[in-house]
Amino acid sequence: MATVEIKNDKKEVTIPDGSLLAELDGKCSILFACKVGSCGSCKCKVTKGMENLEQPNDIEKAGLSAFGNDPSERLPCVAKIKKGKVTLEY
């Protein structure tokens, strides 16, 4: 099981290894509107554990390009965690 710390909520959520961070929907206050990487509502900064996330796929790359190219930002609705711990801030 992987762990995602959401700094704004001051909480940690456990999700299965290899799952989309969209598993956080309803378990934290990150807003998941479209869930397909096209709206940017879930955009977060990864403050720790970027190495524990899969590389962005083409959909996420397009969304990140549209909403800004900060290399520390990801779209949790389409980002996958490999294992370990990731810390997010939005």
PDB file of N, CA and C in Angstrom:
ATOM      1  N   MET A   1       0.837  -1.183   0.000  1.00  0.00           N
ATOM      2  CA  MET A   1       0.000   0.000   0.000  1.00  0.00           C
ATOM      3  C   MET A   1       0.886   1.254   0.000  1.00  0.00           C
ATOM      4  N   ALA A   2       0.445   2.243  -0.766  1.00  0.00           N
ATOM      5  CA  ALA A   2       1.153   3.521  -0.859  1.00  0.00           C
ATOM      6  C   ALA A   2       0.475   4.530   0.063  1.00  0.00           C
ATOM      7  N   THR A   3       1.213   5.553   0.432  1.00  0.00           N
ATOM      8  CA  THR A   3       0.684   6.588   1.311  1.00  0.00           C
ATOM      9  C   THR A   3       0.793   7.935   0.624  1.00  0.00           C
ATOM     10  N   VAL A   4      -0.291   8.719   0.691  1.00  0.00           N
ATOM     11  CA  VAL A   4      -0.295  10.065   0.150  1.00  0.00           C
ATOM     12  C   VAL A   4      -0.602  11.013   1.299  1.00  0.00           C
ATOM     13  N   GLU A   5       0.327  11.924   1.546  1.00  0.00           N
ATOM     14  CA  GLU A   5       0.107  12.958   2.562  1.00  0.00           C
ATOM     15  C   GLU A   5      -0.424  14.186   1.839  1.00  0.00           C
ATOM     16  N   ILE A   6      -1.531  14.724   2.328  1.00  0.00           N
ATOM     17  CA  ILE A   6      -2.091  15.952   1.779  1.00  0.00           C
ATOM     18  C   ILE A   6      -1.847  17.035   2.827  1.00  0.00           C
ATOM     19  N   LYS A   7      -0.857  17.898   2.545  1.00  0.00           N
ATOM     20  CA  LYS A   7      -0.435  18.897   3.526  1.00  0.00           C
ATOM     21  C   LYS A   7      -1.575  19.838   3.926  1.00  0.00           C
ATOM     22  N   ASN A   8      -2.401  20.256   2.956  1.00  0.00           N
ATOM     23  CA  ASN A   8      -3.471  21.199   3.261  1.00  0.00           C
ATOM     24  C   ASN A   8      -4.483  20.611   4.245  1.00  0.00           C
ATOM     25  N   ASP A   9      -4.717  19.311   4.135  1.00  0.00           N
ATOM     26  CA  ASP A   9      -5.677  18.633   5.008  1.00  0.00           C
ATOM     27  C   ASP A   9      -5.042  18.118   6.290  1.00  0.00           C
ATOM     28  N   LYS A  10      -3.715  18.149   6.344  1.00  0.00           N
ATOM     29  CA  LYS A  10      -2.977  17.600   7.481  1.00  0.00           C
ATOM     30  C   LYS A  10      -3.392  16.157   7.744  1.00  0.00           C
ATOM     31  N   LYS A  11      -3.392  15.356   6.655  1.00  0.00           N
ATOM     32  CA  LYS A  11      -3.756  13.947   6.792  1.00  0.00           C
ATOM     33  C   LYS A  11      -3.007  13.099   5.793  1.00  0.00           C
ATOM     34  N   GLU A  12      -2.983  11.800   6.072  1.00  0.00           N
ATOM     35  CA  GLU A  12      -2.408  10.810   5.171  1.00  0.00           C
ATOM     36  C   GLU A  12      -3.490   9.833   4.764  1.00  0.00           C
ATOM     37  N   VAL A  13      -3.460   9.432   3.502  1.00  0.00           N
ATOM     38  CA  VAL A  13      -4.424   8.480   2.962  1.00  0.00           C
ATOM     39  C   VAL A  13      -3.637   7.323   2.352  1.00  0.00           C
ATOM     40  N   THR A  14      -4.066   6.109   2.614  1.00  0.00           N
ATOM     41  CA  THR A  14      -3.424   4.927   2.058  1.00  0.00           C
ATOM     42  C   THR A  14      -4.230   4.459   0.852  1.00  0.00           C
ATOM     43  N   ILE A  15      -3.519   4.202  -0.254  1.00  0.00           N
ATOM     44  CA  ILE A  15      -4.155   3.699  -1.472  1.00  0.00           C
ATOM     45  C   ILE A  15      -3.306   2.542  -2.016  1.00  0.00           C
ATOM     46  N   PRO A  16      -3.883   1.683  -2.848  1.00  0.00           N
ATOM     47  CA  PRO A  16      -3.113   0.551  -3.374  1.00  0.00           C
ATOM     48  C   PRO A  16      -1.936   0.991  -4.253  1.00  0.00           C
ATOM     49  N   ASP A  17      -0.823   0.278  -4.138  1.00  0.00           N
ATOM     50  CA  ASP A  17       0.313   0.504  -5.032  1.00  0.00           C
ATOM     51  C   ASP A  17      -0.168   0.390  -6.480  1.00  0.00           C
ATOM     52  N   GLY A  18       0.337   1.260  -7.350  1.00  0.00           N
ATOM     53  CA  GLY A  18       0.013   1.206  -8.773  1.00  0.00           C
ATOM     54  C   GLY A  18      -1.312   1.836  -9.150  1.00  0.00           C
ATOM     55  N   SER A  19      -1.971   2.496  -8.204  1.00  0.00           N
ATOM     56  CA  SER A  19      -3.277   3.080  -8.519  1.00  0.00           C
ATOM     57  C   SER A  19      -3.161   4.562  -8.876  1.00  0.00           C
ATOM     58  N   LEU A  20      -4.209   5.055  -9.508  1.00  0.00           N
ATOM     59  CA  LEU A  20      -4.288   6.482  -9.797  1.00  0.00           C
ATOM     60  C   LEU A  20      -4.487   7.246  -8.501  1.00  0.00           C
ATOM     61  N   LEU A  21      -3.937   8.442  -8.437  1.00  0.00           N
ATOM     62  CA  LEU A  21      -4.163   9.283  -7.265  1.00  0.00           C
ATOM     63  C   LEU A  21      -5.622   9.740  -7.186  1.00  0.00           C
ATOM     64  N   ALA A  22      -6.392   9.478  -8.226  1.00  0.00           N
ATOM     65  CA  ALA A  22      -7.830   9.754  -8.193  1.00  0.00           C
ATOM     66  C   ALA A  22      -8.515   8.955  -7.089  1.00  0.00           C
ATOM     67  N   GLU A  23      -7.835   7.925  -6.567  1.00  0.00           N
ATOM     68  CA  GLU A  23      -8.344   7.167  -5.421  1.00  0.00           C
ATOM     69  C   GLU A  23      -8.553   8.089  -4.214  1.00  0.00           C
ATOM     70  N   LEU A  24      -7.924   9.260  -4.239  1.00  0.00           N
ATOM     71  CA  LEU A  24      -8.066  10.225  -3.139  1.00  0.00           C
ATOM     72  C   LEU A  24      -9.420  10.928  -3.147  1.00  0.00           C
ATOM     73  N   ASP A  25     -10.133  10.849  -4.261  1.00  0.00           N
ATOM     74  CA  ASP A  25     -11.421  11.536  -4.392  1.00  0.00           C
ATOM     75  C   ASP A  25     -12.359  11.098  -3.266  1.00  0.00           C
ATOM     76  N   GLY A  26     -12.872  12.063  -2.528  1.00  0.00           N
ATOM     77  CA  GLY A  26     -13.762  11.797  -1.408  1.00  0.00           C
ATOM     78  C   GLY A  26     -13.045  11.513  -0.104  1.00  0.00           C
ATOM     79  N   LYS A  27     -11.713  11.358  -0.158  1.00  0.00           N
ATOM     80  CA  LYS A  27     -10.936  11.061   1.043  1.00  0.00           C
ATOM     81  C   LYS A  27     -10.108  12.254   1.496  1.00  0.00           C
ATOM     82  N   CYS A  28     -10.176  13.344   0.710  1.00  0.00           N
ATOM     83  CA  CYS A  28      -9.436  14.566   1.017  1.00  0.00           C
ATOM     84  C   CYS A  28     -10.167  15.730   0.347  1.00  0.00           C
ATOM     85  N   SER A  29      -9.641  16.922   0.520  1.00  0.00           N
ATOM     86  CA  SER A  29     -10.336  18.092  -0.031  1.00  0.00           C
ATOM     87  C   SER A  29      -9.820  18.528  -1.408  1.00  0.00           C
ATOM     88  N   ILE A  30      -8.973  17.705  -2.067  1.00  0.00           N
ATOM     89  CA  ILE A  30      -8.574  18.012  -3.436  1.00  0.00           C
ATOM     90  C   ILE A  30      -9.815  17.908  -4.307  1.00  0.00           C
ATOM     91  N   LEU A  31     -10.016  18.896  -5.169  1.00  0.00           N
ATOM     92  CA  LEU A  31     -11.184  18.911  -6.046  1.00  0.00           C
ATOM     93  C   LEU A  31     -10.897  18.098  -7.305  1.00  0.00           C
ATOM     94  N   PHE A  32     -11.655  17.037  -7.497  1.00  0.00           N
ATOM     95  CA  PHE A  32     -11.559  16.208  -8.700  1.00  0.00           C
ATOM     96  C   PHE A  32     -12.812  16.466  -9.524  1.00  0.00           C
ATOM     97  N   ALA A  33     -12.720  17.332 -10.520  1.00  0.00           N
ATOM     98  CA  ALA A  33     -13.901  17.685 -11.319  1.00  0.00           C
ATOM     99  C   ALA A  33     -14.052  16.772 -12.529  1.00  0.00           C
ATOM    100  N   CYS A  34     -13.141  16.824 -13.484  1.00  0.00           N
ATOM    101  CA  CYS A  34     -13.309  16.063 -14.730  1.00  0.00           C
ATOM    102  C   CYS A  34     -12.807  14.619 -14.627  1.00  0.00           C
ATOM    103  N   LYS A  35     -11.769  14.395 -13.857  1.00  0.00           N
ATOM    104  CA  LYS A  35     -11.130  13.094 -13.668  1.00  0.00           C
ATOM    105  C   LYS A  35     -10.486  12.527 -14.936  1.00  0.00           C
ATOM    106  N   VAL A  36     -10.215  13.395 -15.925  1.00  0.00           N
ATOM    107  CA  VAL A  36      -9.547  12.936 -17.150  1.00  0.00           C
ATOM    108  C   VAL A  36      -8.378  13.840 -17.549  1.00  0.00           C
ATOM    109  N   GLY A  37      -7.940  14.722 -16.661  1.00  0.00           N
ATOM    110  CA  GLY A  37      -6.778  15.553 -16.937  1.00  0.00           C
ATOM    111  C   GLY A  37      -7.014  16.759 -17.820  1.00  0.00           C
ATOM    112  N   SER A  38      -8.282  17.138 -18.008  1.00  0.00           N
ATOM    113  CA  SER A  38      -8.544  18.243 -18.928  1.00  0.00           C
ATOM    114  C   SER A  38      -8.939  19.560 -18.257  1.00  0.00           C
ATOM    115  N   CYS A  39      -9.267  19.558 -16.965  1.00  0.00           N
ATOM    116  CA  CYS A  39      -9.747  20.808 -16.349  1.00  0.00           C
ATOM    117  C   CYS A  39      -8.737  21.470 -15.419  1.00  0.00           C
ATOM    118  N   GLY A  40      -7.805  20.708 -14.851  1.00  0.00           N
ATOM    119  CA  GLY A  40      -6.792  21.276 -13.968  1.00  0.00           C
ATOM    120  C   GLY A  40      -7.249  21.527 -12.551  1.00  0.00           C
ATOM    121  N   SER A  41      -8.477  21.149 -12.200  1.00  0.00           N
ATOM    122  CA  SER A  41      -8.982  21.437 -10.852  1.00  0.00           C
ATOM    123  C   SER A  41      -8.195  20.710  -9.767  1.00  0.00           C
ATOM    124  N   CYS A  42      -7.605  19.580 -10.076  1.00  0.00           N
ATOM    125  CA  CYS A  42      -6.891  18.788  -9.072  1.00  0.00           C
ATOM    126  C   CYS A  42      -5.388  19.071  -9.033  1.00  0.00           C
ATOM    127  N   LYS A  43      -4.908  19.993  -9.847  1.00  0.00           N
ATOM    128  CA  LYS A  43      -3.464  20.242  -9.954  1.00  0.00           C
ATOM    129  C   LYS A  43      -2.845  20.460  -8.569  1.00  0.00           C
ATOM    130  N   CYS A  44      -1.795  19.726  -8.282  1.00  0.00           N
ATOM    131  CA  CYS A  44      -1.110  19.792  -6.996  1.00  0.00           C
ATOM    132  C   CYS A  44       0.392  19.892  -7.202  1.00  0.00           C
ATOM    133  N   LYS A  45       1.049  20.400  -6.185  1.00  0.00           N
ATOM    134  CA  LYS A  45       2.509  20.410  -6.151  1.00  0.00           C
ATOM    135  C   LYS A  45       2.949  19.185  -5.361  1.00  0.00           C
ATOM    136  N   VAL A  46       3.902  18.453  -5.905  1.00  0.00           N
ATOM    137  CA  VAL A  46       4.484  17.315  -5.205  1.00  0.00           C
ATOM    138  C   VAL A  46       5.688  17.848  -4.436  1.00  0.00           C
ATOM    139  N   THR A  47       5.589  17.867  -3.112  1.00  0.00           N
ATOM    140  CA  THR A  47       6.676  18.421  -2.306  1.00  0.00           C
ATOM    141  C   THR A  47       7.676  17.351  -1.866  1.00  0.00           C
ATOM    142  N   LYS A  48       7.243  16.085  -1.872  1.00  0.00           N
ATOM    143  CA  LYS A  48       8.142  14.969  -1.556  1.00  0.00           C
ATOM    144  C   LYS A  48       7.646  13.727  -2.290  1.00  0.00           C
ATOM    145  N   GLY A  49       8.578  12.892  -2.701  1.00  0.00           N
ATOM    146  CA  GLY A  49       8.236  11.596  -3.251  1.00  0.00           C
ATOM    147  C   GLY A  49       7.923  11.545  -4.735  1.00  0.00           C
ATOM    148  N   MET A  50       8.345  12.540  -5.504  1.00  0.00           N
ATOM    149  CA  MET A  50       8.088  12.528  -6.946  1.00  0.00           C
ATOM    150  C   MET A  50       8.594  11.230  -7.589  1.00  0.00           C
ATOM    151  N   GLU A  51       9.671  10.677  -7.055  1.00  0.00           N
ATOM    152  CA  GLU A  51      10.227   9.440  -7.599  1.00  0.00           C
ATOM    153  C   GLU A  51       9.281   8.247  -7.422  1.00  0.00           C
ATOM    154  N   ASN A  52       8.294   8.378  -6.566  1.00  0.00           N
ATOM    155  CA  ASN A  52       7.330   7.307  -6.330  1.00  0.00           C
ATOM    156  C   ASN A  52       6.120   7.374  -7.262  1.00  0.00           C
ATOM    157  N   LEU A  53       6.118   8.364  -8.157  1.00  0.00           N
ATOM    158  CA  LEU A  53       5.046   8.481  -9.144  1.00  0.00           C
ATOM    159  C   LEU A  53       5.546   8.027 -10.510  1.00  0.00           C
ATOM    160  N   GLU A  54       4.641   7.432 -11.292  1.00  0.00           N
ATOM    161  CA  GLU A  54       4.971   7.093 -12.681  1.00  0.00           C
ATOM    162  C   GLU A  54       5.196   8.401 -13.439  1.00  0.00           C
ATOM    163  N   GLN A  55       5.946   8.343 -14.521  1.00  0.00           N
ATOM    164  CA  GLN A  55       6.134   9.520 -15.374  1.00  0.00           C
ATOM    165  C   GLN A  55       4.771   9.931 -15.954  1.00  0.00           C
ATOM    166  N   PRO A  56       4.547  11.219 -16.176  1.00  0.00           N
ATOM    167  CA  PRO A  56       3.262  11.648 -16.757  1.00  0.00           C
ATOM    168  C   PRO A  56       3.021  10.996 -18.114  1.00  0.00           C
ATOM    169  N   ASN A  57       1.793  10.529 -18.339  1.00  0.00           N
ATOM    170  CA  ASN A  57       1.432   9.997 -19.650  1.00  0.00           C
ATOM    171  C   ASN A  57       1.094  11.164 -20.577  1.00  0.00           C
ATOM    172  N   ASP A  58       0.754  10.885 -21.826  1.00  0.00           N
ATOM    173  CA  ASP A  58       0.486  11.950 -22.799  1.00  0.00           C
ATOM    174  C   ASP A  58      -0.688  12.838 -22.382  1.00  0.00           C
ATOM    175  N   ILE A  59      -1.710  12.254 -21.776  1.00  0.00           N
ATOM    176  CA  ILE A  59      -2.870  13.038 -21.328  1.00  0.00           C
ATOM    177  C   ILE A  59      -2.451  14.021 -20.239  1.00  0.00           C
ATOM    178  N   GLU A  60      -1.689  13.529 -19.261  1.00  0.00           N
ATOM    179  CA  GLU A  60      -1.249  14.410 -18.177  1.00  0.00           C
ATOM    180  C   GLU A  60      -0.291  15.483 -18.699  1.00  0.00           C
ATOM    181  N   LYS A  61       0.605  15.107 -19.606  1.00  0.00           N
ATOM    182  CA  LYS A  61       1.524  16.097 -20.182  1.00  0.00           C
ATOM    183  C   LYS A  61       0.757  17.224 -20.864  1.00  0.00           C
ATOM    184  N   ALA A  62      -0.297  16.873 -21.612  1.00  0.00           N
ATOM    185  CA  ALA A  62      -1.097  17.891 -22.299  1.00  0.00           C
ATOM    186  C   ALA A  62      -1.794  18.795 -21.288  1.00  0.00           C
ATOM    187  N   GLY A  63      -2.359  18.207 -20.243  1.00  0.00           N
ATOM    188  CA  GLY A  63      -3.027  18.997 -19.212  1.00  0.00           C
ATOM    189  C   GLY A  63      -2.064  19.909 -18.481  1.00  0.00           C
ATOM    190  N   LEU A  64      -0.912  19.376 -18.112  1.00  0.00           N
ATOM    191  CA  LEU A  64       0.084  20.194 -17.416  1.00  0.00           C
ATOM    192  C   LEU A  64       0.581  21.320 -18.311  1.00  0.00           C
ATOM    193  N   SER A  65       0.721  21.052 -19.584  1.00  0.00           N
ATOM    194  CA  SER A  65       1.145  22.079 -20.526  1.00  0.00           C
ATOM    195  C   SER A  65       0.116  23.208 -20.594  1.00  0.00           C
ATOM    196  N   ALA A  66      -1.154  22.845 -20.560  1.00  0.00           N
ATOM    197  CA  ALA A  66      -2.225  23.846 -20.628  1.00  0.00           C
ATOM    198  C   ALA A  66      -2.346  24.674 -19.357  1.00  0.00           C
ATOM    199  N   PHE A  67      -2.006  24.076 -18.195  1.00  0.00           N
ATOM    200  CA  PHE A  67      -2.212  24.757 -16.914  1.00  0.00           C
ATOM    201  C   PHE A  67      -0.926  25.233 -16.265  1.00  0.00           C
ATOM    202  N   GLY A  68       0.187  25.174 -16.975  1.00  0.00           N
ATOM    203  CA  GLY A  68       1.463  25.611 -16.430  1.00  0.00           C
ATOM    204  C   GLY A  68       2.455  24.475 -16.441  1.00  0.00           C
ATOM    205  N   ASN A  69       3.715  24.803 -16.557  1.00  0.00           N
ATOM    206  CA  ASN A  69       4.746  23.781 -16.701  1.00  0.00           C
ATOM    207  C   ASN A  69       5.691  23.694 -15.511  1.00  0.00           C
ATOM    208  N   ASP A  70       5.200  23.910 -14.299  1.00  0.00           N
ATOM    209  CA  ASP A  70       6.047  23.750 -13.122  1.00  0.00           C
ATOM    210  C   ASP A  70       6.361  22.263 -12.976  1.00  0.00           C
ATOM    211  N   PRO A  71       7.634  21.865 -13.020  1.00  0.00           N
ATOM    212  CA  PRO A  71       7.978  20.443 -12.984  1.00  0.00           C
ATOM    213  C   PRO A  71       7.577  19.733 -11.687  1.00  0.00           C
ATOM    214  N   SER A  72       7.256  20.483 -10.645  1.00  0.00           N
ATOM    215  CA  SER A  72       6.846  19.847  -9.391  1.00  0.00           C
ATOM    216  C   SER A  72       5.337  19.622  -9.325  1.00  0.00           C
ATOM    217  N   GLU A  73       4.602  20.043 -10.358  1.00  0.00           N
ATOM    218  CA  GLU A  73       3.147  19.897 -10.346  1.00  0.00           C
ATOM    219  C   GLU A  73       2.700  18.653 -11.107  1.00  0.00           C
ATOM    220  N   ARG A  74       1.623  18.060 -10.614  1.00  0.00           N
ATOM    221  CA  ARG A  74       1.032  16.891 -11.260  1.00  0.00           C
ATOM    222  C   ARG A  74      -0.487  17.004 -11.195  1.00  0.00           C
ATOM    223  N   LEU A  75      -1.155  16.212 -12.024  1.00  0.00           N
ATOM    224  CA  LEU A  75      -2.617  16.135 -12.029  1.00  0.00           C
ATOM    225  C   LEU A  75      -3.005  14.795 -11.401  1.00  0.00           C
ATOM    226  N   PRO A  76      -3.384  14.791 -10.124  1.00  0.00           N
ATOM    227  CA  PRO A  76      -3.682  13.533  -9.435  1.00  0.00           C
ATOM    228  C   PRO A  76      -4.768  12.679 -10.080  1.00  0.00           C
ATOM    229  N   CYS A  77      -5.661  13.273 -10.851  1.00  0.00           N
ATOM    230  CA  CYS A  77      -6.727  12.470 -11.466  1.00  0.00           C
ATOM    231  C   CYS A  77      -6.180  11.468 -12.473  1.00  0.00           C
ATOM    232  N   VAL A  78      -5.011  11.741 -13.055  1.00  0.00           N
ATOM    233  CA  VAL A  78      -4.436  10.833 -14.052  1.00  0.00           C
ATOM    234  C   VAL A  78      -3.018  10.364 -13.697  1.00  0.00           C
ATOM    235  N   ALA A  79      -2.492  10.814 -12.557  1.00  0.00           N
ATOM    236  CA  ALA A  79      -1.148  10.409 -12.117  1.00  0.00           C
ATOM    237  C   ALA A  79      -1.235   9.108 -11.321  1.00  0.00           C
ATOM    238  N   LYS A  80      -0.261   8.226 -11.540  1.00  0.00           N
ATOM    239  CA  LYS A  80      -0.216   6.938 -10.848  1.00  0.00           C
ATOM    240  C   LYS A  80       0.930   6.913  -9.849  1.00  0.00           C
ATOM    241  N   ILE A  81       0.642   6.345  -8.688  1.00  0.00           N
ATOM    242  CA  ILE A  81       1.693   6.139  -7.697  1.00  0.00           C
ATOM    243  C   ILE A  81       2.223   4.719  -7.861  1.00  0.00           C
ATOM    244  N   LYS A  82       3.540   4.580  -7.839  1.00  0.00           N
ATOM    245  CA  LYS A  82       4.140   3.252  -7.958  1.00  0.00           C
ATOM    246  C   LYS A  82       4.049   2.538  -6.612  1.00  0.00           C
ATOM    247  N   LYS A  83       4.605   3.184  -5.592  1.00  0.00           N
ATOM    248  CA  LYS A  83       4.620   2.667  -4.225  1.00  0.00           C
ATOM    249  C   LYS A  83       5.224   3.743  -3.340  1.00  0.00           C
ATOM    250  N   GLY A  84       5.323   3.499  -2.065  1.00  0.00           N
ATOM    251  CA  GLY A  84       5.964   4.438  -1.160  1.00  0.00           C
ATOM    252  C   GLY A  84       5.058   5.571  -0.737  1.00  0.00           C
ATOM    253  N   LYS A  85       5.668   6.729  -0.502  1.00  0.00           N
ATOM    254  CA  LYS A  85       4.941   7.887   0.008  1.00  0.00           C
ATOM    255  C   LYS A  85       5.140   9.097  -0.893  1.00  0.00           C
ATOM    256  N   VAL A  86       4.073   9.845  -1.071  1.00  0.00           N
ATOM    257  CA  VAL A  86       4.093  11.093  -1.834  1.00  0.00           C
ATOM    258  C   VAL A  86       3.419  12.152  -0.969  1.00  0.00           C
ATOM    259  N   THR A  87       3.969  13.351  -0.976  1.00  0.00           N
ATOM    260  CA  THR A  87       3.354  14.467  -0.259  1.00  0.00           C
ATOM    261  C   THR A  87       2.882  15.495  -1.269  1.00  0.00           C
ATOM    262  N   LEU A  88       1.598  15.854  -1.174  1.00  0.00           N
ATOM    263  CA  LEU A  88       0.972  16.808  -2.086  1.00  0.00           C
ATOM    264  C   LEU A  88       0.548  18.063  -1.354  1.00  0.00           C
ATOM    265  N   GLU A  89       0.564  19.175  -2.095  1.00  0.00           N
ATOM    266  CA  GLU A  89       0.082  20.453  -1.589  1.00  0.00           C
ATOM    267  C   GLU A  89      -0.655  21.129  -2.732  1.00  0.00           C
ATOM    268  N   TYR A  90      -1.801  21.700  -2.460  1.00  0.00           N
ATOM    269  CA  TYR A  90      -2.563  22.357  -3.531  1.00  0.00           C
ATOM    270  C   TYR A  90      -2.891  23.783  -3.178  1.00  0.00           C
TER     271      TYR A  90
END
